[in-house]
Amino acid sequence: MTRQNLNAQNERLKHRYFRFLRQADGKSEATIDAAAEALDHFQEYTGYRDFRAFHSEQAIGFRATLAKRTNARSGKPLSVATQNSTLAQLRRFFLWLSEQPGYRSRLTRTDAKYFRLDEKETRIATARREREAPTVEQVVHVLSLMPTGSEVELRDRAVVAGILLTGSRVAAAASLRLKHVDIERGCVHFDAREVKTKNSKSFTTFLCPIGDAPRRMFEDWVRHLRAKPGWSGDDPLFPATATTQNDANQFEAAGLRRSCWRNASPIREIFKRAFDRAGLPYAHPHLLRHTLTRFGEQICRTPEEFKAWSQNLGHDHVLTTFLSYGEVPLARQAEILRGLQSAPPDLPPDAQAIAKAVVRLMKQDGSSEIR
């Protein structure tokens, strides 16, 4: 983009919109970046025309152009999911714009709705795919094979154990401090003032009852750091790796720094190495939230217990847990249905109570937003 291309009025509007997303709508920086990228693509298509000159034909033409674009890295056509996401960002922007002074007479909410794929493409873009989450037993096996010969290796094992015990998102895990862990109560405080939680939400997670070994690995690590001379509660729970150059001018690990990771990439690398060592397909850290949800579905005996399990994952609504993470794997789906063939037609009393309670919770939750 050159200075000649820039439209000053458009740029001021975009700045206001991004401020609205951040301050009023509570969106993350990643969401704002996605909105900015979508608007850049649209403005490039229109030759940076003033937003006041917008009409529905521009949306239709951009949608057709988007379908012909290729991914900059792979060189392949943009996926339908990516197209759908880009159009959704533009639809939200123009819906917002249609309510701004000076634009209400020029734009309508109907104009914004032209940023949409057809029904068939939308179904393809939003189709839910089975996530191959590992079982709790598999993750425990991964932990048992992780090396512990150095402080860095002990930290790596504690990272995997900690995420398994809490279901923490990677950004939150990377920003946790020692003071956020309460070993006596067996919980972790995700304080949004200091921890990078989703939607800046604060909540407390109790360590999930998945076995003694992962908990011991995690708690031993916390005690190890607290015993280090000079370390305090403000130091990172999972410190970044200090590096040095060896005789071959190559960088190698040289202990830990008293600072958090700048991003979550090192955690993903830890998971890749750990699962590869165990001979298992790589499971990125977020998949462990699916692991915990499925485990909770198996061990929770009442609606109240599953509600507590849901809250432990940071969800306000139990439906969020069901809809976002509670899909049944295909193999288990087939097993359940085969078992139903020989099951008695009448539901046992406990099942009836659970079904009624789930309906009641659904009514209380209302329309649950996927998180």
Protein backbone atom coordinates (compact mmCIF):
# COMPACT_ATOMS: atom_id res chain seq x y z
CA MET A 1 0.00 0.00 0.00
CA THR A 2 1.35 3.46 -0.90
CA ARG A 3 0.48 6.81 0.60
CA GLN A 4 -1.34 7.67 -2.64
CA ASN A 5 -3.64 4.71 -2.10
CA LEU A 6 -4.60 5.66 1.43
CA ASN A 7 -7.98 7.23 2.01
CA ALA A 8 -7.71 9.36 5.13
CA GLN A 9 -11.40 9.12 5.99
CA ASN A 10 -11.35 5.34 5.60
CA GLU A 11 -8.30 5.07 7.84
CA ARG A 12 -9.96 7.14 10.56
CA LEU A 13 -13.04 4.92 10.35
CA LYS A 14 -10.95 1.77 10.60
CA HIS A 15 -9.17 3.18 13.65
CA ARG A 16 -12.55 3.84 15.30
CA TYR A 17 -13.75 0.35 14.40
CA PHE A 18 -10.67 -1.33 15.83
CA ARG A 19 -11.08 0.71 19.02
CA PHE A 20 -14.71 -0.44 19.17
CA LEU A 21 -13.66 -4.08 18.77
CA ARG A 22 -11.01 -3.77 21.46
CA GLN A 23 -12.72 -1.55 24.03
CA ALA A 24 -16.46 -2.14 23.56
CA ASP A 25 -16.67 -5.62 22.05
CA GLY A 26 -13.80 -7.14 24.03
CA LYS A 27 -12.14 -8.74 21.00
CA SER A 28 -8.60 -10.08 21.13
CA GLU A 29 -5.70 -8.59 19.18
CA ALA A 30 -5.76 -11.66 16.92
CA THR A 31 -9.38 -10.93 15.98
CA ILE A 32 -8.57 -7.27 15.33
CA ASP A 33 -5.62 -8.27 13.15
CA ALA A 34 -7.93 -10.55 11.15
CA ALA A 35 -10.39 -7.68 10.66
CA ALA A 36 -7.59 -5.38 9.52
CA GLU A 37 -6.33 -7.96 7.03
CA ALA A 38 -9.81 -8.51 5.58
CA LEU A 39 -10.34 -4.76 5.17
CA ASP A 40 -6.95 -4.39 3.48
CA HIS A 41 -7.89 -7.06 0.93
CA PHE A 42 -11.25 -5.40 0.26
CA GLN A 43 -9.74 -1.93 -0.12
CA GLU A 44 -7.14 -3.29 -2.51
CA TYR A 45 -9.97 -4.76 -4.60
CA THR A 46 -11.91 -1.46 -4.70
CA GLY A 47 -8.85 0.68 -5.38
CA TYR A 48 -9.18 2.22 -1.90
CA ARG A 49 -12.44 3.95 -2.73
CA ASP A 50 -14.20 5.85 0.02
CA PHE A 51 -16.42 3.57 2.16
CA ARG A 52 -19.24 6.05 1.53
CA ALA A 53 -19.24 4.88 -2.10
CA PHE A 54 -19.88 1.27 -1.08
CA HIS A 55 -22.65 -0.66 -2.80
CA SER A 56 -23.62 -4.31 -2.84
CA GLU A 57 -22.01 -4.97 -6.24
CA GLN A 58 -18.61 -4.39 -4.64
CA ALA A 59 -19.32 -7.13 -2.13
CA ILE A 60 -20.47 -9.51 -4.87
CA GLY A 61 -17.38 -8.78 -6.99
CA PHE A 62 -15.02 -9.14 -4.05
CA ARG A 63 -16.58 -12.47 -3.12
CA ALA A 64 -15.92 -13.75 -6.66
CA THR A 65 -12.35 -12.46 -6.56
CA LEU A 66 -11.75 -14.03 -3.18
CA ALA A 67 -12.70 -17.44 -4.57
CA LYS A 68 -9.87 -17.11 -7.11
CA ARG A 69 -7.18 -16.04 -4.64
CA THR A 70 -4.40 -18.38 -3.60
CA ASN A 71 -2.71 -18.90 -0.26
CA ALA A 72 0.54 -16.92 -0.19
CA ARG A 73 2.46 -19.74 1.48
CA SER A 74 1.04 -22.88 -0.15
CA GLY A 75 0.09 -21.44 -3.53
CA LYS A 76 -3.19 -23.35 -3.32
CA PRO A 77 -6.64 -21.78 -3.65
CA LEU A 78 -8.00 -20.25 -0.45
CA SER A 79 -10.04 -22.73 1.53
CA VAL A 80 -13.77 -22.15 1.80
CA ALA A 81 -13.29 -21.73 5.55
CA THR A 82 -10.79 -18.89 4.98
CA GLN A 83 -13.12 -17.23 2.49
CA ASN A 84 -15.98 -17.50 4.94
CA SER A 85 -13.90 -15.99 7.74
CA THR A 86 -12.78 -13.05 5.59
CA LEU A 87 -16.32 -12.30 4.44
CA ALA A 88 -17.60 -12.54 8.02
CA GLN A 89 -15.08 -9.89 9.11
CA LEU A 90 -16.22 -7.56 6.33
CA ARG A 91 -19.88 -8.21 7.08
CA ARG A 92 -19.36 -7.23 10.71
CA PHE A 93 -17.50 -4.07 9.73
CA PHE A 94 -20.16 -2.85 7.31
CA LEU A 95 -22.94 -3.70 9.76
CA TRP A 96 -21.12 -1.48 12.27
CA LEU A 97 -20.56 1.19 9.61
CA SER A 98 -24.26 1.27 8.69
CA GLU A 99 -24.98 2.53 12.22
CA GLN A 100 -22.40 5.34 12.24
CA PRO A 101 -23.36 9.01 11.77
CA GLY A 102 -22.94 10.09 8.16
CA TYR A 103 -23.30 6.54 6.86
CA ARG A 104 -26.80 5.58 7.96
CA SER A 105 -28.33 7.18 4.87
CA ARG A 106 -25.75 5.59 2.55
CA LEU A 107 -25.57 2.02 3.88
CA THR A 108 -28.12 -0.47 5.15
CA ARG A 109 -27.74 -3.67 7.10
CA THR A 110 -28.92 -5.49 3.98
CA ASP A 111 -25.92 -4.17 2.01
CA ALA A 112 -23.56 -5.77 4.52
CA LYS A 113 -25.22 -9.15 4.16
CA TYR A 114 -23.88 -9.50 0.62
CA PHE A 115 -20.56 -10.47 2.23
CA ARG A 116 -21.64 -14.08 2.51
CA LEU A 117 -21.04 -17.42 0.79
CA ASP A 118 -23.99 -19.34 -0.53
CA GLU A 119 -25.65 -21.93 1.71
CA LYS A 120 -23.74 -24.89 0.27
CA GLU A 121 -20.35 -23.21 0.67
CA THR A 122 -21.24 -22.01 4.17
CA ARG A 123 -22.10 -25.57 5.22
CA ILE A 124 -18.73 -26.75 3.88
CA ALA A 125 -16.88 -23.91 5.61
CA THR A 126 -18.51 -24.50 8.98
CA ALA A 127 -18.61 -28.29 8.92
CA ARG A 128 -17.41 -29.77 12.19
CA ARG A 129 -14.56 -32.22 11.77
CA GLU A 130 -13.63 -34.88 14.25
CA ARG A 131 -10.68 -33.84 16.36
CA GLU A 132 -8.30 -36.68 17.11
CA ALA A 133 -7.67 -35.80 20.74
CA PRO A 134 -5.47 -38.17 22.73
CA THR A 135 -6.89 -40.02 25.71
CA VAL A 136 -5.81 -39.21 29.23
CA GLU A 137 -3.95 -42.53 29.32
CA GLN A 138 -2.01 -41.60 26.17
CA VAL A 139 -0.95 -38.23 27.58
CA VAL A 140 0.15 -39.87 30.84
CA HIS A 141 2.18 -42.31 28.74
CA VAL A 142 3.77 -39.36 26.91
CA LEU A 143 4.68 -37.81 30.26
CA SER A 144 6.25 -41.03 31.50
CA LEU A 145 8.70 -41.02 28.56
CA MET A 146 9.77 -37.38 28.76
CA PRO A 147 13.42 -36.95 29.85
CA THR A 148 14.22 -35.29 33.18
CA GLY A 149 17.98 -34.94 33.07
CA SER A 150 18.05 -31.16 33.13
CA GLU A 151 16.07 -28.26 34.53
CA VAL A 152 14.80 -27.43 31.04
CA GLU A 153 13.56 -31.00 30.58
CA LEU A 154 11.82 -30.91 33.96
CA ARG A 155 10.10 -27.71 32.89
CA ASP A 156 9.00 -29.26 29.61
CA ARG A 157 7.42 -32.18 31.44
CA ALA A 158 5.70 -29.81 33.87
CA VAL A 159 4.24 -27.85 30.92
CA VAL A 160 2.54 -30.94 29.49
CA ALA A 161 1.40 -32.09 32.93
CA GLY A 162 0.09 -28.64 33.82
CA ILE A 163 -1.96 -28.28 30.65
CA LEU A 164 -3.36 -31.78 31.12
CA LEU A 165 -4.34 -30.98 34.72
CA THR A 166 -5.94 -27.61 33.96
CA GLY A 167 -6.91 -27.56 30.28
CA SER A 168 -5.12 -24.23 30.05
CA ARG A 169 -4.89 -22.51 26.69
CA VAL A 170 -1.30 -22.04 25.53
CA ALA A 171 -1.25 -18.24 25.80
CA ALA A 172 -2.48 -18.47 29.39
CA ALA A 173 0.01 -21.22 30.28
CA ALA A 174 2.89 -19.20 28.82
CA SER A 175 2.03 -16.18 30.99
CA LEU A 176 1.33 -17.89 34.34
CA ARG A 177 3.36 -16.89 37.40
CA LEU A 178 4.28 -18.95 40.43
CA LYS A 179 1.88 -16.97 42.62
CA HIS A 180 -1.05 -18.16 40.51
CA VAL A 181 -0.59 -21.75 41.72
CA ASP A 182 -2.04 -22.79 45.08
CA ILE A 183 -0.65 -26.25 45.84
CA GLU A 184 -2.46 -26.54 49.16
CA ARG A 185 -5.88 -26.04 47.57
CA GLY A 186 -4.84 -27.79 44.38
CA CYS A 187 -5.81 -24.99 42.01
CA VAL A 188 -4.52 -22.41 39.55
CA HIS A 189 -5.84 -18.83 39.48
CA PHE A 190 -6.12 -17.50 35.94
CA ASP A 191 -6.02 -13.81 36.84
CA ALA A 192 -6.73 -11.85 33.64
CA ARG A 193 -4.85 -8.84 35.01
CA GLU A 194 -1.62 -10.78 34.53
CA VAL A 195 -2.50 -13.96 32.61
CA LYS A 196 -3.41 -13.93 28.93
CA THR A 197 -6.81 -15.59 29.21
CA LYS A 198 -9.38 -15.71 26.46
CA ASN A 199 -11.60 -12.62 26.47
CA SER A 200 -9.62 -11.38 29.50
CA LYS A 201 -11.69 -13.54 31.82
CA SER A 202 -10.53 -14.42 35.35
CA PHE A 203 -11.38 -17.82 36.83
CA THR A 204 -9.99 -20.55 39.07
CA THR A 205 -9.26 -24.06 37.86
CA PHE A 206 -8.80 -26.98 40.25
CA LEU A 207 -6.35 -29.66 39.15
CA CYS A 208 -8.38 -32.36 37.39
CA PRO A 209 -8.48 -35.81 39.04
CA ILE A 210 -6.62 -37.70 36.35
CA GLY A 211 -4.08 -39.58 38.45
CA ASP A 212 -1.28 -38.98 40.93
CA ALA A 213 1.67 -39.02 38.52
CA PRO A 214 0.85 -35.88 36.45
CA ARG A 215 -0.08 -33.96 39.59
CA ARG A 216 3.15 -34.95 41.30
CA MET A 217 5.20 -33.86 38.26
CA PHE A 218 3.47 -30.48 38.23
CA GLU A 219 3.60 -29.82 41.97
CA ASP A 220 7.23 -30.94 42.25
CA TRP A 221 8.10 -28.41 39.57
CA VAL A 222 6.35 -25.61 41.45
CA ARG A 223 8.20 -26.52 44.65
CA HIS A 224 11.49 -26.68 42.74
CA LEU A 225 11.10 -23.13 41.44
CA ARG A 226 9.96 -21.75 44.78
CA ALA A 227 13.08 -23.19 46.39
CA LYS A 228 15.41 -21.44 43.93
CA PRO A 229 17.36 -18.64 45.63
CA GLY A 230 15.88 -15.23 44.86
CA TRP A 231 12.80 -16.52 43.07
CA SER A 232 9.40 -15.17 44.11
CA GLY A 233 5.74 -15.49 43.23
CA ASP A 234 6.17 -12.95 40.43
CA ASP A 235 8.55 -15.22 38.54
CA PRO A 236 7.19 -17.31 35.65
CA LEU A 237 5.71 -20.74 36.23
CA PHE A 238 7.20 -21.93 32.95
CA PRO A 239 10.34 -19.82 32.43
CA ALA A 240 11.78 -19.25 28.98
CA THR A 241 14.97 -21.07 28.00
CA ALA A 242 18.26 -19.23 28.25
CA THR A 243 20.50 -19.88 25.26
CA THR A 244 24.22 -19.60 24.60
CA GLN A 245 26.57 -20.24 21.69
CA ASN A 246 28.74 -23.34 21.82
CA ASP A 247 32.17 -23.83 20.29
CA ALA A 248 30.55 -24.57 16.91
CA ASN A 249 28.73 -21.19 17.04
CA GLN A 250 25.42 -22.97 17.45
CA PHE A 251 22.79 -21.93 19.97
CA GLU A 252 22.03 -24.38 22.76
CA ALA A 253 19.98 -24.38 25.96
CA ALA A 254 21.76 -22.96 29.01
CA GLY A 255 19.19 -23.16 31.78
CA LEU A 256 16.21 -20.92 32.43
CA ARG A 257 15.57 -17.19 32.29
CA ARG A 258 13.43 -15.40 34.85
CA SER A 259 10.98 -14.30 32.18
CA CYS A 260 7.93 -15.71 30.43
CA TRP A 261 7.91 -16.86 26.84
CA ARG A 262 7.07 -14.12 24.36
CA ASN A 263 4.55 -16.38 22.62
CA ALA A 264 3.15 -19.89 22.76
CA SER A 265 5.33 -21.42 20.02
CA PRO A 266 7.82 -23.04 22.46
CA ILE A 267 4.94 -24.89 24.17
CA ARG A 268 3.80 -26.34 20.85
CA GLU A 269 7.37 -27.43 20.15
CA ILE A 270 7.51 -29.17 23.54
CA PHE A 271 4.33 -31.08 22.69
CA LYS A 272 5.66 -32.06 19.25
CA ARG A 273 8.86 -33.51 20.71
CA ALA A 274 7.04 -35.29 23.52
CA PHE A 275 4.46 -37.00 21.33
CA ASP A 276 7.07 -37.90 18.74
CA ARG A 277 9.20 -39.54 21.45
CA ALA A 278 6.17 -41.61 22.48
CA GLY A 279 5.48 -42.64 18.88
CA LEU A 280 2.10 -40.92 18.87
CA PRO A 281 0.66 -38.42 16.37
CA TYR A 282 1.29 -34.83 17.38
CA ALA A 283 -1.51 -33.43 19.53
CA HIS A 284 -1.34 -29.66 19.84
CA PRO A 285 -1.92 -28.34 23.37
CA HIS A 286 -5.48 -27.12 22.75
CA LEU A 287 -6.58 -30.68 21.98
CA LEU A 288 -6.12 -31.52 25.65
CA ARG A 289 -9.25 -29.46 26.34
CA HIS A 290 -11.09 -32.03 24.22
CA THR A 291 -9.29 -34.79 26.12
CA LEU A 292 -10.52 -33.41 29.44
CA THR A 293 -14.06 -32.86 28.21
CA ARG A 294 -14.38 -36.44 27.02
CA PHE A 295 -12.87 -37.70 30.25
CA GLY A 296 -15.35 -35.58 32.20
CA GLU A 297 -18.26 -37.02 30.23
CA GLN A 298 -17.13 -40.48 31.29
CA ILE A 299 -16.60 -39.88 35.00
CA CYS A 300 -19.21 -37.24 35.88
CA ARG A 301 -22.26 -38.94 37.39
CA THR A 302 -24.67 -36.01 37.76
CA PRO A 303 -25.45 -32.79 35.88
CA GLU A 304 -24.02 -30.82 38.79
CA GLU A 305 -20.69 -32.65 38.49
CA PHE A 306 -20.46 -31.94 34.77
CA LYS A 307 -21.41 -28.31 35.36
CA ALA A 308 -18.49 -28.08 37.80
CA TRP A 309 -16.23 -29.78 35.23
CA SER A 310 -17.36 -27.23 32.64
CA GLN A 311 -16.65 -24.30 34.96
CA ASN A 312 -13.22 -25.78 35.61
CA LEU A 313 -12.44 -25.30 31.91
CA GLY A 314 -13.37 -21.63 32.24
CA HIS A 315 -16.84 -21.91 30.69
CA ASP A 316 -19.79 -19.95 32.03
CA HIS A 317 -22.26 -22.17 30.20
CA VAL A 318 -22.28 -25.95 30.19
CA LEU A 319 -23.51 -25.88 26.59
CA THR A 320 -20.22 -24.28 25.56
CA THR A 321 -18.42 -27.38 26.79
CA PHE A 322 -20.88 -29.71 25.08
CA LEU A 323 -20.90 -27.88 21.74
CA SER A 324 -17.25 -26.81 21.53
CA TYR A 325 -15.49 -29.85 22.98
CA GLY A 326 -18.03 -32.55 23.65
CA GLU A 327 -18.28 -34.28 20.30
CA VAL A 328 -18.11 -38.06 20.53
CA PRO A 329 -15.27 -39.66 18.51
CA LEU A 330 -16.52 -41.76 15.60
CA ALA A 331 -15.15 -45.01 17.02
CA ARG A 332 -16.89 -44.37 20.34
CA GLN A 333 -20.06 -43.30 18.50
CA ALA A 334 -20.17 -46.65 16.71
CA GLU A 335 -19.50 -48.51 19.97
CA ILE A 336 -22.34 -46.70 21.77
CA LEU A 337 -24.83 -47.33 18.98
CA ARG A 338 -23.94 -51.02 18.84
CA GLY A 339 -24.48 -51.21 22.58
CA LEU A 340 -27.89 -49.57 22.26
CA GLN A 341 -29.10 -52.42 20.08
CA SER A 342 -29.20 -54.68 23.11
CA ALA A 343 -30.08 -52.00 25.65
CA PRO A 344 -33.48 -52.09 27.39
CA PRO A 345 -36.00 -49.63 25.92
CA ASP A 346 -36.66 -47.86 29.24
CA LEU A 347 -34.15 -45.35 30.53
CA PRO A 348 -32.90 -45.95 34.06
CA PRO A 349 -33.99 -43.35 36.62
CA ASP A 350 -30.55 -41.75 36.77
CA ALA A 351 -30.50 -41.23 33.00
CA GLN A 352 -33.94 -39.65 33.10
CA ALA A 353 -32.80 -37.26 35.83
CA ILE A 354 -29.70 -36.32 33.87
CA ALA A 355 -31.71 -35.71 30.69
CA LYS A 356 -34.15 -33.45 32.54
CA ALA A 357 -31.33 -31.57 34.21
CA VAL A 358 -29.55 -31.02 30.89
CA VAL A 359 -32.75 -29.55 29.41
CA ARG A 360 -33.08 -27.32 32.45
CA LEU A 361 -29.48 -26.12 32.09
CA MET A 362 -30.05 -25.44 28.40
CA LYS A 363 -33.02 -23.25 29.24
CA GLN A 364 -30.98 -21.39 31.85
CA ASP A 365 -28.03 -20.91 29.53
CA GLY A 366 -30.14 -19.77 26.60
CA SER A 367 -28.26 -19.33 23.37
CA SER A 368 -24.72 -20.29 24.29
CA GLU A 369 -21.89 -18.68 22.38
CA ILE A 370 -19.12 -21.07 21.34
CA ARG A 371 -15.88 -20.24 23.13
